[in-house]
Amino acid sequence: MKIALFSSKPYDEKYFNRENKFNHQITYFSAHLNTQTLSLAKGYEAICVFVNDKITREMIANLAKNGTKYIALRCAGFNNIDIKACEEFQIKVCRVPAYSPYAVAEHTVALMLTLNRRIYRAYNRVKEGNFALDGLLGFDVHGKTVGIIGTGKIGECYAKIMHGFGTRLLFFDPFENPKCQELGKYTDLDTLFKESDIISLHCPLRPETHHLINDESIAKMKNKVMILNTSRGALIDTKALIKGLKGATIGSVGLDVYEEEAELFFEDCSDTIIQDDDFMRLTTFPNVIITGHQAFFTSTALSNIAETTLQNLDDLEYDRLCLNLVE
């Protein structure tokens, strides 16, 4: 199969080439797939895209006209694709639902500990010979209440880790996970917001979860709450988050995603002036840590992403059952 892989980085090429036991013909394009780069996909039976490739109905119609039969997402979420249009134009979509839930869960814990114990500030101080402890005060995670929104594979892994810390766990998810029920209890969102010292987001981005964290929900939260998001940026209303930080309602924030990340993340912007005022405002807070969508970024995850993506396409090509078909 001829595959056009967009938003390619050197590590994508390395792992996809290594896992390509199917002998697919892969062409790597560093550019995002958009209306300007759509012509590059012409003649490819399959295209492979990532989280920041936005695929509209118009683009899907064009892809179908030019011979594309399959769209392979090398990520779990599919909110960046018009699925109904794919059905209309008979393009099948597959994804990688569980490349490494441990990677994302562990990164979430890393953000939590770094924020709580001010590791970033302590590291810089020691390098300058400053060993004072003022401003580095944290809290015991043991005994705190942790609210987990979304209890799929990643939420479950995070819950198991936090249970090991000796925390009280509250969950919200329309579909309850029996393994999480053994670790804590499911409740409504209002109770979770009211009682949690730490709130961690692990749910997909859908219309009902868009801006789940907003002015109204922040007003219900505990004073000095910690908010963690390693899922999808638009789960949080950035302006409401900034307001909560400025008013000291929110104690700290750890983000691996951002709702307007498409033009920033996965690129080197160090020599440019970033025009996103909300993002730049977030970077000024001493109690905010932002990483550039790297929670998934482990060797295990990259291997699994490549292997599963290529297996998905091979299953589709030979009309076998594809377990990761988006329907």
C-alpha atoms as a PDB file:
ATOM      1  CA  MET A   1       0.000   0.000   0.000  1.00  0.00           C
ATOM      2  CA  LYS A   2       1.152   3.531  -0.765  1.00  0.00           C
ATOM      3  CA  ILE A   3       0.947   5.639   2.386  1.00  0.00           C
ATOM      4  CA  ALA A   4       1.469   9.395   2.751  1.00  0.00           C
ATOM      5  CA  LEU A   5       2.484  10.154   6.345  1.00  0.00           C
ATOM      6  CA  PHE A   6       1.970  13.803   7.341  1.00  0.00           C
ATOM      7  CA  SER A   7       3.345  15.850  10.248  1.00  0.00           C
ATOM      8  CA  SER A   8       6.358  13.561  10.140  1.00  0.00           C
ATOM      9  CA  LYS A   9       9.320  13.962  12.463  1.00  0.00           C
ATOM     10  CA  PRO A  10      12.613  12.050  12.378  1.00  0.00           C
ATOM     11  CA  TYR A  11      11.435   9.779  15.189  1.00  0.00           C
ATOM     12  CA  ASP A  12       8.274   8.889  13.219  1.00  0.00           C
ATOM     13  CA  GLU A  13      10.347   7.835  10.237  1.00  0.00           C
ATOM     14  CA  LYS A  14      12.694   5.793  12.433  1.00  0.00           C
ATOM     15  CA  TYR A  15       9.951   3.809  14.176  1.00  0.00           C
ATOM     16  CA  PHE A  16       7.662   3.381  11.154  1.00  0.00           C
ATOM     17  CA  ASN A  17      10.541   2.080   9.051  1.00  0.00           C
ATOM     18  CA  ARG A  18      11.536  -0.292  11.829  1.00  0.00           C
ATOM     19  CA  GLU A  19       8.008  -1.670  12.274  1.00  0.00           C
ATOM     20  CA  ASN A  20       7.162  -1.869   8.556  1.00  0.00           C
ATOM     21  CA  LYS A  21       7.214  -5.649   8.233  1.00  0.00           C
ATOM     22  CA  PHE A  22       4.273  -5.304   5.813  1.00  0.00           C
ATOM     23  CA  ASN A  23       6.471  -3.609   3.187  1.00  0.00           C
ATOM     24  CA  HIS A  24       4.105  -0.681   2.768  1.00  0.00           C
ATOM     25  CA  GLN A  25       5.474   2.139   0.621  1.00  0.00           C
ATOM     26  CA  ILE A  26       5.627   5.090   3.013  1.00  0.00           C
ATOM     27  CA  THR A  27       6.362   8.656   1.929  1.00  0.00           C
ATOM     28  CA  TYR A  28       7.066  11.064   4.788  1.00  0.00           C
ATOM     29  CA  PHE A  29       5.908  14.695   4.685  1.00  0.00           C
ATOM     30  CA  SER A  30       6.936  17.062   7.475  1.00  0.00           C
ATOM     31  CA  ALA A  31       4.046  19.400   6.675  1.00  0.00           C
ATOM     32  CA  HIS A  32       0.655  19.219   8.382  1.00  0.00           C
ATOM     33  CA  LEU A  33      -2.170  17.984   6.210  1.00  0.00           C
ATOM     34  CA  ASN A  34      -4.347  20.975   5.365  1.00  0.00           C
ATOM     35  CA  THR A  35      -5.936  22.628   2.340  1.00  0.00           C
ATOM     36  CA  GLN A  36      -2.553  23.957   1.199  1.00  0.00           C
ATOM     37  CA  THR A  37      -0.810  20.564   1.361  1.00  0.00           C
ATOM     38  CA  LEU A  38      -3.733  18.410   0.245  1.00  0.00           C
ATOM     39  CA  SER A  39      -2.286  17.977  -3.252  1.00  0.00           C
ATOM     40  CA  LEU A  40       0.601  15.956  -1.740  1.00  0.00           C
ATOM     41  CA  ALA A  41      -1.866  13.180  -0.886  1.00  0.00           C
ATOM     42  CA  LYS A  42      -2.954  12.643  -4.482  1.00  0.00           C
ATOM     43  CA  GLY A  43      -2.487   9.041  -5.619  1.00  0.00           C
ATOM     44  CA  TYR A  44      -1.962   7.606  -2.134  1.00  0.00           C
ATOM     45  CA  GLU A  45      -4.323   4.845  -1.087  1.00  0.00           C
ATOM     46  CA  ALA A  46      -3.855   5.778   2.572  1.00  0.00           C
ATOM     47  CA  ILE A  47      -2.857   8.860   4.493  1.00  0.00           C
ATOM     48  CA  CYS A  48      -1.490   8.827   8.024  1.00  0.00           C
ATOM     49  CA  VAL A  49      -2.107  11.874  10.223  1.00  0.00           C
ATOM     50  CA  PHE A  50      -1.510  13.082  13.762  1.00  0.00           C
ATOM     51  CA  VAL A  51      -3.391  15.140  16.356  1.00  0.00           C
ATOM     52  CA  ASN A  52      -2.915  18.572  14.767  1.00  0.00           C
ATOM     53  CA  ASP A  53      -3.868  17.616  11.206  1.00  0.00           C
ATOM     54  CA  LYS A  54      -7.376  19.034  10.722  1.00  0.00           C
ATOM     55  CA  ILE A  55      -9.353  17.179   8.068  1.00  0.00           C
ATOM     56  CA  THR A  56     -12.567  18.877   6.951  1.00  0.00           C
ATOM     57  CA  ARG A  57     -15.430  17.636   4.790  1.00  0.00           C
ATOM     58  CA  GLU A  58     -14.087  19.549   1.794  1.00  0.00           C
ATOM     59  CA  MET A  59     -10.682  17.902   2.199  1.00  0.00           C
ATOM     60  CA  ILE A  60     -12.248  14.454   2.560  1.00  0.00           C
ATOM     61  CA  ALA A  61     -14.207  14.916  -0.671  1.00  0.00           C
ATOM     62  CA  ASN A  62     -10.963  15.858  -2.403  1.00  0.00           C
ATOM     63  CA  LEU A  63      -9.083  12.898  -0.918  1.00  0.00           C
ATOM     64  CA  ALA A  64     -11.763  10.463  -2.091  1.00  0.00           C
ATOM     65  CA  LYS A  65     -11.720  11.975  -5.585  1.00  0.00           C
ATOM     66  CA  ASN A  66      -7.944  11.481  -5.763  1.00  0.00           C
ATOM     67  CA  GLY A  67      -7.939   7.836  -4.704  1.00  0.00           C
ATOM     68  CA  THR A  68      -7.588   7.815  -0.914  1.00  0.00           C
ATOM     69  CA  LYS A  69      -9.475   4.934   0.716  1.00  0.00           C
ATOM     70  CA  TYR A  70      -8.102   5.015   4.250  1.00  0.00           C
ATOM     71  CA  ILE A  71      -7.144   7.579   6.890  1.00  0.00           C
ATOM     72  CA  ALA A  72      -4.903   6.197   9.620  1.00  0.00           C
ATOM     73  CA  LEU A  73      -4.673   8.206  12.818  1.00  0.00           C
ATOM     74  CA  ARG A  74      -1.496   7.522  14.759  1.00  0.00           C
ATOM     75  CA  CYS A  75      -3.190   8.696  17.966  1.00  0.00           C
ATOM     76  CA  ALA A  76      -6.256   7.790  20.045  1.00  0.00           C
ATOM     77  CA  GLY A  77      -8.474  10.846  19.497  1.00  0.00           C
ATOM     78  CA  PHE A  78     -10.339  11.507  16.269  1.00  0.00           C
ATOM     79  CA  ASN A  79     -11.991  14.875  16.968  1.00  0.00           C
ATOM     80  CA  ASN A  80      -9.852  16.457  14.222  1.00  0.00           C
ATOM     81  CA  ILE A  81     -11.601  14.497  11.457  1.00  0.00           C
ATOM     82  CA  ASP A  82     -15.132  14.847  10.049  1.00  0.00           C
ATOM     83  CA  ILE A  83     -16.161  11.220  10.564  1.00  0.00           C
ATOM     84  CA  LYS A  84     -19.590  11.675   8.977  1.00  0.00           C
ATOM     85  CA  ALA A  85     -17.972  12.979   5.807  1.00  0.00           C
ATOM     86  CA  CYS A  86     -15.657   9.963   5.753  1.00  0.00           C
ATOM     87  CA  GLU A  87     -18.691   7.684   5.876  1.00  0.00           C
ATOM     88  CA  GLU A  88     -20.338   9.667   3.080  1.00  0.00           C
ATOM     89  CA  PHE A  89     -17.295   9.405   0.820  1.00  0.00           C
ATOM     90  CA  GLN A  90     -16.545   5.804   1.852  1.00  0.00           C
ATOM     91  CA  ILE A  91     -13.172   6.482   3.432  1.00  0.00           C
ATOM     92  CA  LYS A  92     -12.403   4.182   6.350  1.00  0.00           C
ATOM     93  CA  VAL A  93     -10.742   5.663   9.440  1.00  0.00           C
ATOM     94  CA  CYS A  94      -8.619   3.734  11.937  1.00  0.00           C
ATOM     95  CA  ARG A  95      -6.755   4.840  15.057  1.00  0.00           C
ATOM     96  CA  VAL A  96      -4.394   3.737  17.832  1.00  0.00           C
ATOM     97  CA  PRO A  97      -6.539   3.637  20.961  1.00  0.00           C
ATOM     98  CA  ALA A  98      -3.922   2.382  23.428  1.00  0.00           C
ATOM     99  CA  TYR A  99      -0.331   2.992  22.360  1.00  0.00           C
ATOM    100  CA  SER A 100       0.898   3.333  25.937  1.00  0.00           C
ATOM    101  CA  PRO A 101      -1.513   4.466  28.638  1.00  0.00           C
ATOM    102  CA  TYR A 102       1.331   4.124  31.145  1.00  0.00           C
ATOM    103  CA  ALA A 103       3.385   6.779  29.342  1.00  0.00           C
ATOM    104  CA  VAL A 104       0.639   9.404  29.590  1.00  0.00           C
ATOM    105  CA  ALA A 105      -0.325   8.470  33.150  1.00  0.00           C
ATOM    106  CA  GLU A 106       3.291   8.608  34.321  1.00  0.00           C
ATOM    107  CA  HIS A 107       3.823  12.009  32.678  1.00  0.00           C
ATOM    108  CA  THR A 108       0.736  13.294  34.480  1.00  0.00           C
ATOM    109  CA  VAL A 109       2.240  12.201  37.792  1.00  0.00           C
ATOM    110  CA  ALA A 110       5.539  13.853  36.823  1.00  0.00           C
ATOM    111  CA  LEU A 111       3.716  17.153  36.248  1.00  0.00           C
ATOM    112  CA  MET A 112       1.920  16.807  39.584  1.00  0.00           C
ATOM    113  CA  LEU A 113       5.087  16.164  41.593  1.00  0.00           C
ATOM    114  CA  THR A 114       7.095  18.826  39.790  1.00  0.00           C
ATOM    115  CA  LEU A 115       4.403  21.418  40.492  1.00  0.00           C
ATOM    116  CA  ASN A 116       3.834  20.401  44.092  1.00  0.00           C
ATOM    117  CA  ARG A 117       7.478  20.216  45.147  1.00  0.00           C
ATOM    118  CA  ARG A 118       8.608  23.137  42.927  1.00  0.00           C
ATOM    119  CA  ILE A 119      11.289  20.945  41.335  1.00  0.00           C
ATOM    120  CA  TYR A 120      11.827  23.381  38.458  1.00  0.00           C
ATOM    121  CA  ARG A 121      12.524  26.277  40.840  1.00  0.00           C
ATOM    122  CA  ALA A 122      14.736  24.179  43.122  1.00  0.00           C
ATOM    123  CA  TYR A 123      16.763  22.919  40.150  1.00  0.00           C
ATOM    124  CA  ASN A 124      17.491  26.445  38.917  1.00  0.00           C
ATOM    125  CA  ARG A 125      18.318  27.693  42.406  1.00  0.00           C
ATOM    126  CA  VAL A 126      20.861  24.972  43.122  1.00  0.00           C
ATOM    127  CA  LYS A 127      22.608  25.639  39.809  1.00  0.00           C
ATOM    128  CA  GLU A 128      23.089  29.227  41.031  1.00  0.00           C
ATOM    129  CA  GLY A 129      24.303  28.146  44.465  1.00  0.00           C
ATOM    130  CA  ASN A 130      21.042  29.130  46.173  1.00  0.00           C
ATOM    131  CA  PHE A 131      19.965  26.487  48.681  1.00  0.00           C
ATOM    132  CA  ALA A 132      17.232  28.490  50.437  1.00  0.00           C
ATOM    133  CA  LEU A 133      13.906  26.709  50.867  1.00  0.00           C
ATOM    134  CA  ASP A 134      11.612  29.752  50.903  1.00  0.00           C
ATOM    135  CA  GLY A 135       9.030  29.458  48.135  1.00  0.00           C
ATOM    136  CA  LEU A 136       9.458  25.710  47.701  1.00  0.00           C
ATOM    137  CA  LEU A 137       6.814  24.541  50.189  1.00  0.00           C
ATOM    138  CA  GLY A 138       4.680  21.666  48.942  1.00  0.00           C
ATOM    139  CA  PHE A 139       2.085  19.359  50.462  1.00  0.00           C
ATOM    140  CA  ASP A 140       1.798  15.647  51.184  1.00  0.00           C
ATOM    141  CA  VAL A 141      -0.049  13.997  48.309  1.00  0.00           C
ATOM    142  CA  HIS A 142      -0.900  11.147  50.694  1.00  0.00           C
ATOM    143  CA  GLY A 143      -4.402  11.683  52.076  1.00  0.00           C
ATOM    144  CA  LYS A 144      -5.472  14.182  49.421  1.00  0.00           C
ATOM    145  CA  THR A 145      -8.571  13.768  47.244  1.00  0.00           C
ATOM    146  CA  VAL A 146      -7.859  13.277  43.545  1.00  0.00           C
ATOM    147  CA  GLY A 147     -10.622  13.765  40.983  1.00  0.00           C
ATOM    148  CA  ILE A 148     -10.146  11.853  37.724  1.00  0.00           C
ATOM    149  CA  ILE A 149     -12.354  12.807  34.783  1.00  0.00           C
ATOM    150  CA  GLY A 150     -12.279  10.008  32.224  1.00  0.00           C
ATOM    151  CA  THR A 151     -11.534   6.444  33.290  1.00  0.00           C
ATOM    152  CA  GLY A 152     -10.459   4.737  30.096  1.00  0.00           C
ATOM    153  CA  LYS A 153      -7.102   3.013  29.907  1.00  0.00           C
ATOM    154  CA  ILE A 154      -5.076   6.153  30.726  1.00  0.00           C
ATOM    155  CA  GLY A 155      -7.379   7.236  33.537  1.00  0.00           C
ATOM    156  CA  GLU A 156      -7.232   3.736  34.981  1.00  0.00           C
ATOM    157  CA  CYS A 157      -3.406   3.689  34.912  1.00  0.00           C
ATOM    158  CA  TYR A 158      -3.280   7.111  36.563  1.00  0.00           C
ATOM    159  CA  ALA A 159      -5.785   5.975  39.208  1.00  0.00           C
ATOM    160  CA  LYS A 160      -3.653   2.942  40.090  1.00  0.00           C
ATOM    161  CA  ILE A 161      -0.580   5.132  40.536  1.00  0.00           C
ATOM    162  CA  MET A 162      -2.451   7.661  42.667  1.00  0.00           C
ATOM    163  CA  HIS A 163      -3.969   4.885  44.754  1.00  0.00           C
ATOM    164  CA  GLY A 164      -0.406   3.887  45.541  1.00  0.00           C
ATOM    165  CA  PHE A 165       0.195   7.382  46.920  1.00  0.00           C
ATOM    166  CA  GLY A 166      -2.581   6.790  49.461  1.00  0.00           C
ATOM    167  CA  THR A 167      -5.076   9.244  47.998  1.00  0.00           C
ATOM    168  CA  ARG A 168      -8.858   9.250  48.025  1.00  0.00           C
ATOM    169  CA  LEU A 169     -10.068   8.829  44.446  1.00  0.00           C
ATOM    170  CA  LEU A 170     -13.209  10.294  42.883  1.00  0.00           C
ATOM    171  CA  PHE A 171     -14.163   9.437  39.311  1.00  0.00           C
ATOM    172  CA  PHE A 172     -16.446  10.848  36.669  1.00  0.00           C
ATOM    173  CA  ASP A 173     -17.184   9.010  33.443  1.00  0.00           C
ATOM    174  CA  PRO A 174     -20.485   8.070  31.774  1.00  0.00           C
ATOM    175  CA  PHE A 175     -19.066   4.542  31.412  1.00  0.00           C
ATOM    176  CA  GLU A 176     -17.846   3.222  34.751  1.00  0.00           C
ATOM    177  CA  ASN A 177     -14.683   1.119  34.805  1.00  0.00           C
ATOM    178  CA  PRO A 178     -14.924  -1.833  37.234  1.00  0.00           C
ATOM    179  CA  LYS A 179     -11.173  -1.641  37.929  1.00  0.00           C
ATOM    180  CA  CYS A 180     -11.560   1.982  39.012  1.00  0.00           C
ATOM    181  CA  GLN A 181     -14.577   1.137  41.157  1.00  0.00           C
ATOM    182  CA  GLU A 182     -12.248  -1.015  43.248  1.00  0.00           C
ATOM    183  CA  LEU A 183      -9.937   1.977  43.890  1.00  0.00           C
ATOM    184  CA  GLY A 184     -12.392   4.781  44.629  1.00  0.00           C
ATOM    185  CA  LYS A 185     -15.914   5.887  43.836  1.00  0.00           C
ATOM    186  CA  TYR A 186     -17.792   7.408  40.933  1.00  0.00           C
ATOM    187  CA  THR A 187     -19.636  10.634  41.529  1.00  0.00           C
ATOM    188  CA  ASP A 188     -21.124  13.595  39.681  1.00  0.00           C
ATOM    189  CA  LEU A 189     -18.999  16.420  38.316  1.00  0.00           C
ATOM    190  CA  ASP A 190     -20.165  18.981  40.866  1.00  0.00           C
ATOM    191  CA  THR A 191     -19.092  16.755  43.773  1.00  0.00           C
ATOM    192  CA  LEU A 192     -15.775  16.001  42.090  1.00  0.00           C
ATOM    193  CA  PHE A 193     -15.093  19.708  41.546  1.00  0.00           C
ATOM    194  CA  LYS A 194     -16.083  20.568  45.121  1.00  0.00           C
ATOM    195  CA  GLU A 195     -14.084  17.895  46.943  1.00  0.00           C
ATOM    196  CA  SER A 196     -10.918  17.357  44.863  1.00  0.00           C
ATOM    197  CA  ASP A 197      -7.525  18.788  45.798  1.00  0.00           C
ATOM    198  CA  ILE A 198      -6.128  17.624  42.448  1.00  0.00           C
ATOM    199  CA  ILE A 199      -8.195  17.317  39.251  1.00  0.00           C
ATOM    200  CA  SER A 200      -6.787  15.365  36.318  1.00  0.00           C
ATOM    201  CA  LEU A 201      -8.356  15.217  32.853  1.00  0.00           C
ATOM    202  CA  HIS A 202      -8.232  11.976  30.862  1.00  0.00           C
ATOM    203  CA  CYS A 203     -11.341  12.202  28.695  1.00  0.00           C
ATOM    204  CA  PRO A 204     -11.764  12.611  24.921  1.00  0.00           C
ATOM    205  CA  LEU A 205     -12.710  15.928  23.325  1.00  0.00           C
ATOM    206  CA  ARG A 206     -16.353  15.838  22.303  1.00  0.00           C
ATOM    207  CA  PRO A 207     -19.037  18.541  22.113  1.00  0.00           C
ATOM    208  CA  GLU A 208     -20.142  17.700  25.657  1.00  0.00           C
ATOM    209  CA  THR A 209     -16.578  17.927  27.045  1.00  0.00           C
ATOM    210  CA  HIS A 210     -15.482  21.070  25.180  1.00  0.00           C
ATOM    211  CA  HIS A 211     -14.449  23.677  27.802  1.00  0.00           C
ATOM    212  CA  LEU A 212     -15.387  21.281  30.601  1.00  0.00           C
ATOM    213  CA  ILE A 213     -13.157  23.449  32.782  1.00  0.00           C
ATOM    214  CA  ASN A 214     -14.653  26.936  32.584  1.00  0.00           C
ATOM    215  CA  ASP A 215     -15.624  29.872  34.787  1.00  0.00           C
ATOM    216  CA  GLU A 216     -18.598  28.015  36.235  1.00  0.00           C
ATOM    217  CA  SER A 217     -16.749  24.794  37.034  1.00  0.00           C
ATOM    218  CA  ILE A 218     -13.719  26.629  38.474  1.00  0.00           C
ATOM    219  CA  ALA A 219     -16.054  28.523  40.819  1.00  0.00           C
ATOM    220  CA  LYS A 220     -17.127  25.175  42.307  1.00  0.00           C
ATOM    221  CA  MET A 221     -13.574  23.977  42.982  1.00  0.00           C
ATOM    222  CA  LYS A 222     -11.591  23.984  46.199  1.00  0.00           C
ATOM    223  CA  ASN A 223      -9.378  26.957  46.845  1.00  0.00           C
ATOM    224  CA  LYS A 224      -5.806  26.301  45.582  1.00  0.00           C
ATOM    225  CA  VAL A 225      -6.857  23.283  43.511  1.00  0.00           C
ATOM    226  CA  MET A 226      -4.283  21.718  41.176  1.00  0.00           C
ATOM    227  CA  ILE A 227      -5.475  21.081  37.607  1.00  0.00           C
ATOM    228  CA  LEU A 228      -3.689  18.633  35.269  1.00  0.00           C
ATOM    229  CA  ASN A 229      -4.463  18.091  31.591  1.00  0.00           C
ATOM    230  CA  THR A 230      -2.652  15.523  29.450  1.00  0.00           C
ATOM    231  CA  SER A 231      -5.666  14.753  27.271  1.00  0.00           C
ATOM    232  CA  ARG A 232      -6.967  17.437  24.857  1.00  0.00           C
ATOM    233  CA  GLY A 233      -6.361  21.170  25.100  1.00  0.00           C
ATOM    234  CA  ALA A 234      -9.910  22.330  24.417  1.00  0.00           C
ATOM    235  CA  LEU A 235     -11.198  20.557  27.523  1.00  0.00           C
ATOM    236  CA  ILE A 236     -10.095  23.768  29.267  1.00  0.00           C
ATOM    237  CA  ASP A 237     -11.241  27.317  28.544  1.00  0.00           C
ATOM    238  CA  THR A 238      -7.861  29.056  28.611  1.00  0.00           C
ATOM    239  CA  LYS A 239      -9.264  32.499  29.466  1.00  0.00           C
ATOM    240  CA  ALA A 240     -11.165  31.033  32.424  1.00  0.00           C
ATOM    241  CA  LEU A 241      -8.009  29.232  33.537  1.00  0.00           C
ATOM    242  CA  ILE A 242      -6.012  32.471  33.452  1.00  0.00           C
ATOM    243  CA  LYS A 243      -8.720  34.228  35.428  1.00  0.00           C
ATOM    244  CA  GLY A 244      -8.644  31.467  38.053  1.00  0.00           C
ATOM    245  CA  LEU A 245      -4.860  31.699  38.318  1.00  0.00           C
ATOM    246  CA  LYS A 246      -4.892  35.484  38.615  1.00  0.00           C
ATOM    247  CA  GLY A 247      -7.535  35.316  41.331  1.00  0.00           C
ATOM    248  CA  ALA A 248      -5.554  32.600  43.159  1.00  0.00           C
ATOM    249  CA  THR A 249      -8.554  30.266  43.088  1.00  0.00           C
ATOM    250  CA  ILE A 250      -6.380  27.790  41.194  1.00  0.00           C
ATOM    251  CA  GLY A 251      -3.216  26.837  43.050  1.00  0.00           C
ATOM    252  CA  SER A 252      -1.267  25.299  40.177  1.00  0.00           C
ATOM    253  CA  VAL A 253      -1.674  23.979  36.647  1.00  0.00           C
ATOM    254  CA  GLY A 254       0.165  21.298  34.667  1.00  0.00           C
ATOM    255  CA  LEU A 255      -0.554  21.159  30.931  1.00  0.00           C
ATOM    256  CA  ASP A 256       0.762  18.891  28.221  1.00  0.00           C
ATOM    257  CA  VAL A 257      -1.890  20.117  25.784  1.00  0.00           C
ATOM    258  CA  TYR A 258      -3.283  23.513  24.842  1.00  0.00           C
ATOM    259  CA  GLU A 259      -6.436  24.367  22.916  1.00  0.00           C
ATOM    260  CA  GLU A 260      -4.583  26.409  20.278  1.00  0.00           C
ATOM    261  CA  GLU A 261      -1.495  24.205  20.153  1.00  0.00           C
ATOM    262  CA  ALA A 262      -1.626  23.350  16.444  1.00  0.00           C
ATOM    263  CA  GLU A 263       0.676  26.192  15.381  1.00  0.00           C
ATOM    264  CA  LEU A 264       3.058  25.748  18.308  1.00  0.00           C
ATOM    265  CA  PHE A 265       3.569  22.204  19.521  1.00  0.00           C
ATOM    266  CA  PHE A 266       5.960  19.796  17.801  1.00  0.00           C
ATOM    267  CA  GLU A 267       7.789  22.752  16.226  1.00  0.00           C
ATOM    268  CA  ASP A 268      10.847  24.821  17.210  1.00  0.00           C
ATOM    269  CA  CYS A 269       9.472  28.326  17.781  1.00  0.00           C
ATOM    270  CA  SER A 270      12.462  29.533  19.804  1.00  0.00           C
ATOM    271  CA  ASP A 271      13.548  32.006  17.143  1.00  0.00           C
ATOM    272  CA  THR A 272      10.112  33.498  16.526  1.00  0.00           C
ATOM    273  CA  ILE A 273       7.750  35.836  18.370  1.00  0.00           C
ATOM    274  CA  ILE A 274       4.783  33.770  19.512  1.00  0.00           C
ATOM    275  CA  GLN A 275       1.602  35.656  18.696  1.00  0.00           C
ATOM    276  CA  ASP A 276      -0.724  33.716  21.014  1.00  0.00           C
ATOM    277  CA  ASP A 277      -1.267  36.121  23.918  1.00  0.00           C
ATOM    278  CA  ASP A 278      -3.139  33.616  26.093  1.00  0.00           C
ATOM    279  CA  PHE A 279      -0.368  31.038  25.780  1.00  0.00           C
ATOM    280  CA  MET A 280       2.301  33.607  26.573  1.00  0.00           C
ATOM    281  CA  ARG A 281       0.288  34.788  29.583  1.00  0.00           C
ATOM    282  CA  LEU A 282       0.206  31.229  30.915  1.00  0.00           C
ATOM    283  CA  THR A 283       3.992  30.975  30.683  1.00  0.00           C
ATOM    284  CA  THR A 284       4.366  33.962  33.046  1.00  0.00           C
ATOM    285  CA  PHE A 285       2.772  32.225  36.034  1.00  0.00           C
ATOM    286  CA  PRO A 286       5.286  30.650  38.438  1.00  0.00           C
ATOM    287  CA  ASN A 287       2.749  27.950  39.338  1.00  0.00           C
ATOM    288  CA  VAL A 288       2.132  26.738  35.760  1.00  0.00           C
ATOM    289  CA  ILE A 289       4.124  24.080  33.907  1.00  0.00           C
ATOM    290  CA  ILE A 290       3.556  23.449  30.206  1.00  0.00           C
ATOM    291  CA  THR A 291       5.106  20.629  28.209  1.00  0.00           C
ATOM    292  CA  GLY A 292       4.673  20.378  24.450  1.00  0.00           C
ATOM    293  CA  HIS A 293       2.376  17.359  24.041  1.00  0.00           C
ATOM    294  CA  GLN A 294       5.126  14.969  25.064  1.00  0.00           C
ATOM    295  CA  ALA A 295       3.206  12.755  27.506  1.00  0.00           C
ATOM    296  CA  PHE A 296       2.991   9.974  24.925  1.00  0.00           C
ATOM    297  CA  PHE A 297       6.645  10.309  23.942  1.00  0.00           C
ATOM    298  CA  THR A 298       8.373   7.091  25.026  1.00  0.00           C
ATOM    299  CA  SER A 299      10.142   4.479  22.937  1.00  0.00           C
ATOM    300  CA  THR A 300       7.483   1.951  23.909  1.00  0.00           C
ATOM    301  CA  ALA A 301       4.686   4.220  22.744  1.00  0.00           C
ATOM    302  CA  LEU A 302       6.366   5.089  19.439  1.00  0.00           C
ATOM    303  CA  SER A 303       6.895   1.413  18.653  1.00  0.00           C
ATOM    304  CA  ASN A 304       3.283   0.599  19.489  1.00  0.00           C
ATOM    305  CA  ILE A 305       1.959   3.527  17.453  1.00  0.00           C
ATOM    306  CA  ALA A 306       3.898   2.494  14.361  1.00  0.00           C
ATOM    307  CA  GLU A 307       3.120  -1.207  14.689  1.00  0.00           C
ATOM    308  CA  THR A 308      -0.603  -0.695  15.327  1.00  0.00           C
ATOM    309  CA  THR A 309      -1.023   1.902  12.572  1.00  0.00           C
ATOM    310  CA  LEU A 310       0.619  -0.323   9.972  1.00  0.00           C
ATOM    311  CA  GLN A 311      -1.303  -3.380  11.167  1.00  0.00           C
ATOM    312  CA  ASN A 312      -4.561  -1.417  10.906  1.00  0.00           C
ATOM    313  CA  LEU A 313      -3.839  -0.527   7.292  1.00  0.00           C
ATOM    314  CA  ASP A 314      -2.785  -4.059   6.441  1.00  0.00           C
ATOM    315  CA  ASP A 315      -6.051  -5.396   7.891  1.00  0.00           C
ATOM    316  CA  LEU A 316      -8.049  -2.902   5.853  1.00  0.00           C
ATOM    317  CA  GLU A 317      -6.111  -3.594   2.665  1.00  0.00           C
ATOM    318  CA  TYR A 318      -6.792  -7.343   2.876  1.00  0.00           C
ATOM    319  CA  ASP A 319     -10.382  -6.899   4.122  1.00  0.00           C
ATOM    320  CA  ARG A 320      -9.676  -8.453   7.499  1.00  0.00           C
ATOM    321  CA  LEU A 321     -11.394  -7.383  10.703  1.00  0.00           C
ATOM    322  CA  CYS A 322      -9.765  -4.114  11.878  1.00  0.00           C
ATOM    323  CA  LEU A 323     -10.226  -3.847  15.620  1.00  0.00           C
ATOM    324  CA  ASN A 324      -9.368  -0.147  15.630  1.00  0.00           C
ATOM    325  CA  LEU A 325     -11.820   1.052  12.991  1.00  0.00           C
ATOM    326  CA  VAL A 326     -13.595   4.304  13.879  1.00  0.00           C
ATOM    327  CA  GLU A 327     -17.324   3.825  13.320  1.00  0.00           C
END
